[in-house]
Amino acid sequence: MAFPHELLRSGFPYHLTLGQRRVTTNPMDIGFGKKRIYVLTRSGLGNGVRVIDWEDENHGIFGEGLFSWPSGLLVDDDENIYVTDEAKHQVVIMDKDGNHIDSWGEQGSDDGQLNRPSGMSFDNKGNILLSDAMNNRVQRFAKNGEFLQSFGEQGNKEGQFNMPWGLTVDNDGDIYVADWKNDRIQKFTESGVFVSSLGSTGSEKGELLRPTSVDVDSHGDIYVADWQNDRVQLFNKDFKYVQSFHGNASLSASGKKYILANQVTLRLRAMGDFEKTQRLNAPLMVRVDDQFRLFILDFANHRIQIYKKDAVELSEQEIAPEMRNPILLTT
């Protein structure tokens, strides 16, 4: 599927906040069903998959007692839920009602074995791509755990990894991996051949500091959770920096209800730094859906900030060629 030649970017406004402390505590990953939203949480208060809806109502938690250190989450078309467990070196599978169906994986470094698995994505054939973090590679499995492929090794050269974390697949099947300790995003072909990379260590525009997640929309735009810089960065299909998201959250529906019922919390919020309450704090995961809604898992603030892209697709005939010294005179 070809990406549009160019975009008229009108804006990317804040849309909605979901979740709150004690419900979506330390959100790690997110998946979507037909009516439900599944949020993987990991904290001292418990690990599990929290089920909420678009009205921010809490429908309970799945998998309590099933996980030791959950990291990544996927939801398939039947709403079966797949969770990587770093401590157990496994993928745990539940059905849409939270019943444990299966688990597969064992610790090791041979093909098909795992050492602290983290992020996951479905490829375009429905197989599971998985970041095998401490083995510094990406592995591909069938949903039943059958090993299919592996690529990558430890290092900082092209195609090598240093603790890969989140990953995603674009509409053409190309694979993007958040190479966590190398402070970069690497792009590979569907078969795992290195294509290119973006990012270098730092806090300036286009630089990264421990990126944890990456996603790509159908325009080819690339979203990166720049974890230690407390921001999400957006790059276009040519890896050119576009903008950053630093947070602009309002209270979620459940958060507002909780605070209104607690006088002390109301007073503390009234006395606090309001701008600080809006900002991202250690954003851990980014997801973008087919409606161009960007979901940022605001890990240390225990919530999901949602933004909505506003852009017009342009063909090559609708826009002038790139200029050597561009100056925008009018808006």
Protein backbone atom coordinates (compact mmCIF):
# COMPACT_ATOMS: atom_id res chain seq x y z
CA MET A 1 0.00 0.00 0.00
CA ALA A 2 1.54 3.28 -1.12
CA PHE A 3 1.76 6.18 1.31
CA PRO A 4 0.41 9.58 0.17
CA HIS A 5 2.97 11.78 -1.58
CA GLU A 6 2.59 14.54 1.03
CA LEU A 7 0.22 15.83 3.72
CA LEU A 8 -1.37 19.14 4.54
CA ARG A 9 -0.96 19.01 8.32
CA SER A 10 -3.77 21.01 9.87
CA GLY A 11 -3.05 19.98 13.47
CA PHE A 12 -2.94 17.15 15.99
CA PRO A 13 -5.19 18.33 18.84
CA TYR A 14 -5.69 16.70 22.22
CA HIS A 15 -8.86 14.60 22.20
CA LEU A 16 -9.48 12.67 25.43
CA THR A 17 -8.00 11.10 28.57
CA LEU A 18 -8.86 7.63 29.83
CA GLY A 19 -7.93 5.93 33.10
CA GLN A 20 -6.60 7.00 36.48
CA ARG A 21 -4.42 5.84 39.35
CA ARG A 22 -5.79 2.68 41.03
CA VAL A 23 -7.44 1.60 37.76
CA THR A 24 -4.91 1.91 34.92
CA THR A 25 -1.95 1.95 37.29
CA ASN A 26 1.38 2.17 35.41
CA PRO A 27 -0.03 1.28 31.98
CA MET A 28 2.40 -0.79 29.90
CA ASP A 29 0.46 -1.49 26.70
CA ILE A 30 -3.00 -1.21 25.17
CA GLY A 31 -5.22 -3.21 22.82
CA PHE A 32 -8.70 -2.78 21.42
CA GLY A 33 -11.74 -4.99 21.05
CA LYS A 34 -15.06 -4.20 19.42
CA LYS A 35 -16.34 -2.31 22.47
CA ARG A 36 -13.63 -2.85 25.07
CA ILE A 37 -10.21 -1.35 25.67
CA TYR A 38 -7.62 -3.63 27.27
CA VAL A 39 -4.87 -1.94 29.27
CA LEU A 40 -1.91 -3.94 30.57
CA THR A 41 -0.86 -2.68 34.00
CA ARG A 42 2.24 -3.46 36.07
CA SER A 43 2.77 -2.18 39.59
CA GLY A 44 3.10 -3.07 43.24
CA LEU A 45 -0.69 -2.88 43.41
CA GLY A 46 -0.94 -5.85 41.07
CA ASN A 47 -0.39 -6.97 37.49
CA GLY A 48 -3.11 -7.66 34.97
CA VAL A 49 -5.18 -6.55 32.02
CA ARG A 50 -7.63 -3.82 33.00
CA VAL A 51 -10.81 -3.68 30.93
CA ILE A 52 -12.37 -0.25 30.35
CA ASP A 53 -14.64 1.30 27.72
CA TRP A 54 -14.82 4.57 25.79
CA GLU A 55 -16.89 6.12 28.59
CA ASP A 56 -13.98 5.38 30.96
CA GLU A 57 -16.00 2.84 32.92
CA ASN A 58 -14.04 0.11 34.69
CA HIS A 59 -15.10 -3.46 33.84
CA GLY A 60 -12.61 -5.31 36.00
CA ILE A 61 -9.20 -6.88 35.60
CA PHE A 62 -8.05 -10.11 33.91
CA GLY A 63 -5.09 -12.29 34.80
CA GLU A 64 -4.54 -11.37 38.44
CA GLY A 65 -2.00 -13.86 39.79
CA LEU A 66 -1.18 -15.08 36.29
CA PHE A 67 1.74 -12.73 35.55
CA SER A 68 5.01 -11.94 37.27
CA TRP A 69 6.32 -9.02 35.19
CA PRO A 70 4.06 -8.37 32.19
CA SER A 71 5.40 -6.15 29.42
CA GLY A 72 3.59 -6.30 26.06
CA LEU A 73 0.02 -6.92 24.92
CA LEU A 74 -1.78 -7.88 21.71
CA VAL A 75 -5.48 -8.43 20.99
CA ASP A 76 -6.48 -10.48 17.91
CA ASP A 77 -9.69 -10.33 15.87
CA ASP A 78 -11.40 -12.81 18.23
CA GLU A 79 -10.34 -10.66 21.21
CA ASN A 80 -7.94 -13.27 22.46
CA ILE A 81 -5.33 -11.47 24.58
CA TYR A 82 -1.57 -12.17 24.32
CA VAL A 83 0.77 -10.91 27.07
CA THR A 84 4.55 -11.18 27.29
CA ASP A 85 5.87 -11.96 30.78
CA GLU A 86 9.50 -10.86 31.16
CA ALA A 87 10.09 -12.76 34.40
CA LYS A 88 8.55 -16.03 33.20
CA HIS A 89 10.04 -15.71 29.68
CA GLN A 90 6.65 -16.60 28.24
CA VAL A 91 3.69 -15.45 26.20
CA VAL A 92 0.43 -15.92 28.11
CA ILE A 93 -2.87 -16.19 26.21
CA MET A 94 -6.38 -15.45 27.55
CA ASP A 95 -9.76 -15.34 25.87
CA LYS A 96 -12.00 -12.24 25.82
CA ASP A 97 -13.47 -13.21 29.21
CA GLY A 98 -10.05 -13.46 30.86
CA ASN A 99 -9.85 -17.26 30.93
CA HIS A 100 -6.32 -18.63 30.60
CA ILE A 101 -6.07 -20.52 27.31
CA ASP A 102 -2.38 -21.28 26.92
CA SER A 103 1.19 -20.21 27.65
CA TRP A 104 4.29 -20.86 25.58
CA GLY A 105 7.98 -20.06 25.79
CA GLU A 106 10.97 -21.00 27.95
CA GLN A 107 14.14 -19.22 28.99
CA GLY A 108 17.16 -19.62 26.75
CA SER A 109 18.97 -18.32 23.70
CA ASP A 110 18.23 -21.00 21.11
CA ASP A 111 15.73 -20.42 18.33
CA GLY A 112 12.27 -20.13 19.87
CA GLN A 113 13.57 -19.62 23.40
CA LEU A 114 13.13 -16.28 25.18
CA ASN A 115 15.01 -14.05 27.58
CA ARG A 116 12.85 -11.20 28.91
CA PRO A 117 10.39 -10.82 26.02
CA SER A 118 8.85 -7.35 25.76
CA GLY A 119 6.99 -5.67 22.88
CA MET A 120 4.86 -7.51 20.33
CA SER A 121 3.10 -6.85 17.04
CA PHE A 122 1.16 -8.92 14.55
CA ASP A 123 2.72 -9.11 11.12
CA ASN A 124 0.56 -8.87 7.99
CA LYS A 125 -0.04 -12.63 8.04
CA GLY A 126 -1.26 -12.71 11.65
CA ASN A 127 1.95 -14.12 13.13
CA ILE A 128 3.51 -12.60 16.25
CA LEU A 129 6.71 -10.56 16.08
CA LEU A 130 8.32 -10.27 19.49
CA SER A 131 11.25 -8.30 20.93
CA ASP A 132 13.44 -10.84 22.71
CA ALA A 133 15.14 -8.13 24.76
CA MET A 134 18.04 -9.81 26.55
CA ASN A 135 18.81 -11.99 23.53
CA ASN A 136 19.00 -8.78 21.47
CA ARG A 137 16.88 -10.06 18.62
CA VAL A 138 13.39 -10.12 17.14
CA GLN A 139 11.62 -13.46 16.80
CA ARG A 140 8.58 -14.43 14.78
CA PHE A 141 6.10 -17.04 16.02
CA ALA A 142 2.78 -18.48 14.97
CA LYS A 143 0.02 -17.73 17.47
CA ASN A 144 0.43 -21.22 18.95
CA GLY A 145 4.10 -20.55 19.73
CA GLU A 146 5.65 -22.33 16.74
CA PHE A 147 9.00 -20.70 15.98
CA LEU A 148 9.25 -19.21 12.48
CA GLN A 149 12.17 -16.79 12.28
CA SER A 150 14.75 -14.75 14.19
CA PHE A 151 16.93 -11.79 13.25
CA GLY A 152 19.35 -9.48 15.07
CA GLU A 153 22.25 -9.77 17.50
CA GLN A 154 23.86 -7.66 20.21
CA GLY A 155 25.69 -4.52 19.09
CA ASN A 156 25.25 -0.99 17.83
CA LYS A 157 25.79 -1.48 14.11
CA GLU A 158 23.08 -1.65 11.46
CA GLY A 159 20.69 -4.50 12.21
CA GLN A 160 22.10 -5.08 15.70
CA PHE A 161 20.26 -4.37 18.95
CA ASN A 162 20.87 -3.42 22.55
CA MET A 163 17.74 -4.47 24.46
CA PRO A 164 15.00 -3.94 21.85
CA TRP A 165 11.60 -3.07 23.31
CA GLY A 166 8.51 -2.01 21.34
CA LEU A 167 8.00 -2.86 17.69
CA THR A 168 5.38 -2.48 14.97
CA VAL A 169 4.61 -3.41 11.37
CA ASP A 170 3.43 -0.96 8.71
CA ASN A 171 0.91 -1.63 5.95
CA ASP A 172 3.67 -2.80 3.60
CA GLY A 173 4.92 -5.35 6.14
CA ASP A 174 8.06 -3.44 7.06
CA ILE A 175 9.15 -3.81 10.70
CA TYR A 176 10.13 -0.94 13.03
CA VAL A 177 11.94 -1.70 16.30
CA ALA A 178 12.60 0.60 19.27
CA ASP A 179 16.27 -0.20 19.92
CA TRP A 180 16.15 0.92 23.55
CA LYS A 181 19.76 1.18 24.70
CA ASN A 182 21.00 2.31 21.28
CA ASP A 183 18.58 5.27 21.35
CA ARG A 184 17.24 4.71 17.86
CA ILE A 185 14.46 3.21 15.76
CA GLN A 186 15.48 0.63 13.18
CA LYS A 187 13.46 -0.28 10.10
CA PHE A 188 13.61 -3.73 8.46
CA THR A 189 11.96 -5.40 5.50
CA GLU A 190 9.26 -7.99 6.12
CA SER A 191 11.95 -10.69 6.05
CA GLY A 192 14.17 -8.88 8.59
CA VAL A 193 16.72 -7.18 6.32
CA PHE A 194 17.94 -3.82 7.66
CA VAL A 195 16.66 -0.77 5.74
CA SER A 196 17.45 2.37 7.74
CA SER A 197 17.36 3.95 11.20
CA LEU A 198 16.43 7.22 12.85
CA GLY A 199 17.52 8.89 16.07
CA SER A 200 20.68 9.41 18.09
CA THR A 201 21.29 9.92 21.80
CA GLY A 202 20.15 13.27 23.17
CA SER A 203 17.24 15.54 24.01
CA GLU A 204 17.13 17.86 20.98
CA LYS A 205 14.50 17.54 18.26
CA GLY A 206 14.90 14.20 16.52
CA GLU A 207 17.17 12.81 19.23
CA LEU A 208 16.07 10.01 21.54
CA LEU A 209 16.73 8.88 25.08
CA ARG A 210 15.68 5.28 25.75
CA PRO A 211 12.82 4.95 23.23
CA THR A 212 10.38 2.30 24.40
CA SER A 213 7.81 2.11 21.64
CA VAL A 214 7.14 2.90 17.99
CA ASP A 215 4.06 2.85 15.76
CA VAL A 216 3.35 3.81 12.14
CA ASP A 217 0.08 5.06 10.65
CA SER A 218 -1.27 4.56 7.13
CA HIS A 219 0.31 7.86 6.03
CA GLY A 220 3.73 6.47 6.93
CA ASP A 221 4.10 8.81 9.90
CA ILE A 222 6.24 7.32 12.67
CA TYR A 223 5.45 7.86 16.38
CA VAL A 224 8.14 7.23 19.00
CA ALA A 225 7.72 7.08 22.79
CA ASP A 226 10.85 9.02 23.83
CA TRP A 227 10.67 7.72 27.37
CA GLN A 228 13.39 9.51 29.30
CA ASN A 229 12.73 12.79 27.46
CA ASP A 230 9.08 12.69 28.64
CA ARG A 231 7.72 13.19 25.14
CA VAL A 232 6.45 11.48 22.03
CA GLN A 233 8.08 12.46 18.74
CA LEU A 234 6.51 12.32 15.29
CA PHE A 235 8.55 11.74 12.11
CA ASN A 236 7.29 11.54 8.55
CA LYS A 237 7.76 8.60 6.19
CA ASP A 238 11.19 9.94 5.19
CA PHE A 239 12.30 10.01 8.86
CA LYS A 240 12.14 13.80 8.99
CA TYR A 241 11.18 15.29 12.38
CA VAL A 242 7.67 16.83 12.39
CA GLN A 243 6.63 17.62 15.98
CA SER A 244 6.68 16.56 19.63
CA PHE A 245 3.89 15.84 22.10
CA HIS A 246 4.62 16.87 25.69
CA GLY A 247 1.13 16.35 27.10
CA ASN A 248 -2.04 18.41 27.31
CA ALA A 249 -4.33 16.18 29.35
CA SER A 250 -7.56 17.05 31.07
CA LEU A 251 -9.02 14.86 33.80
CA SER A 252 -10.57 11.60 32.67
CA ALA A 253 -14.21 10.93 33.50
CA SER A 254 -13.24 8.42 36.19
CA GLY A 255 -10.53 10.73 37.56
CA LYS A 256 -12.97 13.61 37.87
CA LYS A 257 -15.47 11.41 39.70
CA TYR A 258 -12.80 10.21 42.14
CA ILE A 259 -11.43 13.68 42.91
CA LEU A 260 -14.90 15.18 43.43
CA ALA A 261 -15.55 12.54 46.09
CA ASN A 262 -12.36 13.38 48.03
CA GLN A 263 -12.07 16.80 49.69
CA VAL A 264 -8.37 16.51 50.49
CA THR A 265 -7.52 15.50 46.93
CA LEU A 266 -9.61 18.43 45.67
CA ARG A 267 -7.63 20.84 47.82
CA LEU A 268 -4.27 19.37 46.81
CA ARG A 269 -5.18 19.70 43.13
CA ALA A 270 -6.31 23.30 43.65
CA MET A 271 -2.93 24.09 45.27
CA GLY A 272 -0.81 22.29 42.69
CA ASP A 273 0.88 23.26 39.43
CA PHE A 274 -1.91 22.79 36.89
CA GLU A 275 0.37 22.78 33.86
CA LYS A 276 2.40 19.97 35.39
CA THR A 277 -0.73 17.83 35.73
CA GLN A 278 -1.20 18.00 31.95
CA ARG A 279 2.30 16.90 30.98
CA LEU A 280 3.56 13.47 30.03
CA ASN A 281 5.65 11.65 32.61
CA ALA A 282 7.63 8.68 31.26
CA PRO A 283 5.40 7.86 28.25
CA LEU A 284 5.96 4.17 27.68
CA MET A 285 3.82 3.10 24.73
CA VAL A 286 2.29 4.65 21.63
CA ARG A 287 -0.46 3.20 19.47
CA VAL A 288 -2.24 4.79 16.51
CA ASP A 289 -5.48 3.38 15.08
CA ASP A 290 -7.09 3.52 11.63
CA GLN A 291 -8.94 6.70 12.62
CA PHE A 292 -5.59 8.42 13.23
CA ARG A 293 -6.15 8.57 16.97
CA LEU A 294 -2.84 8.56 18.83
CA PHE A 295 -2.86 6.76 22.20
CA ILE A 296 -0.01 7.69 24.54
CA LEU A 297 0.36 5.53 27.65
CA ASP A 298 1.38 8.12 30.24
CA PHE A 299 3.04 5.57 32.51
CA ALA A 300 3.92 7.58 35.63
CA ASN A 301 0.60 9.46 35.49
CA HIS A 302 -1.43 6.24 35.24
CA ARG A 303 -3.52 7.34 32.26
CA ILE A 304 -3.91 7.27 28.49
CA GLN A 305 -3.74 10.58 26.61
CA ILE A 306 -5.43 10.54 23.19
CA TYR A 307 -4.81 12.92 20.28
CA LYS A 308 -6.57 13.09 16.89
CA LYS A 309 -4.70 13.79 13.67
CA ASP A 310 -6.12 16.35 11.23
CA ALA A 311 -4.44 16.10 7.82
CA VAL A 312 -5.29 16.08 4.11
CA GLU A 313 -3.61 13.62 1.76
CA LEU A 314 -1.94 15.24 -1.25
CA SER A 315 -0.86 13.75 -4.57
CA GLU A 316 2.33 14.79 -6.36
CA GLN A 317 0.25 16.95 -8.71
CA GLU A 318 -1.32 18.91 -5.83
CA ILE A 319 1.87 20.30 -4.29
CA ALA A 320 4.97 22.06 -5.59
CA PRO A 321 8.32 20.21 -5.59
CA GLU A 322 10.59 20.62 -2.57
CA MET A 323 12.42 23.94 -2.47
CA ARG A 324 16.07 24.63 -1.68
CA ASN A 325 15.42 27.63 0.63
CA PRO A 326 11.74 27.49 1.65
CA ILE A 327 10.06 30.48 3.33
CA LEU A 328 6.40 30.23 4.31
CA LEU A 329 4.91 33.68 3.71
CA THR A 330 1.23 33.01 4.39
CA THR A 331 -0.87 30.51 6.29
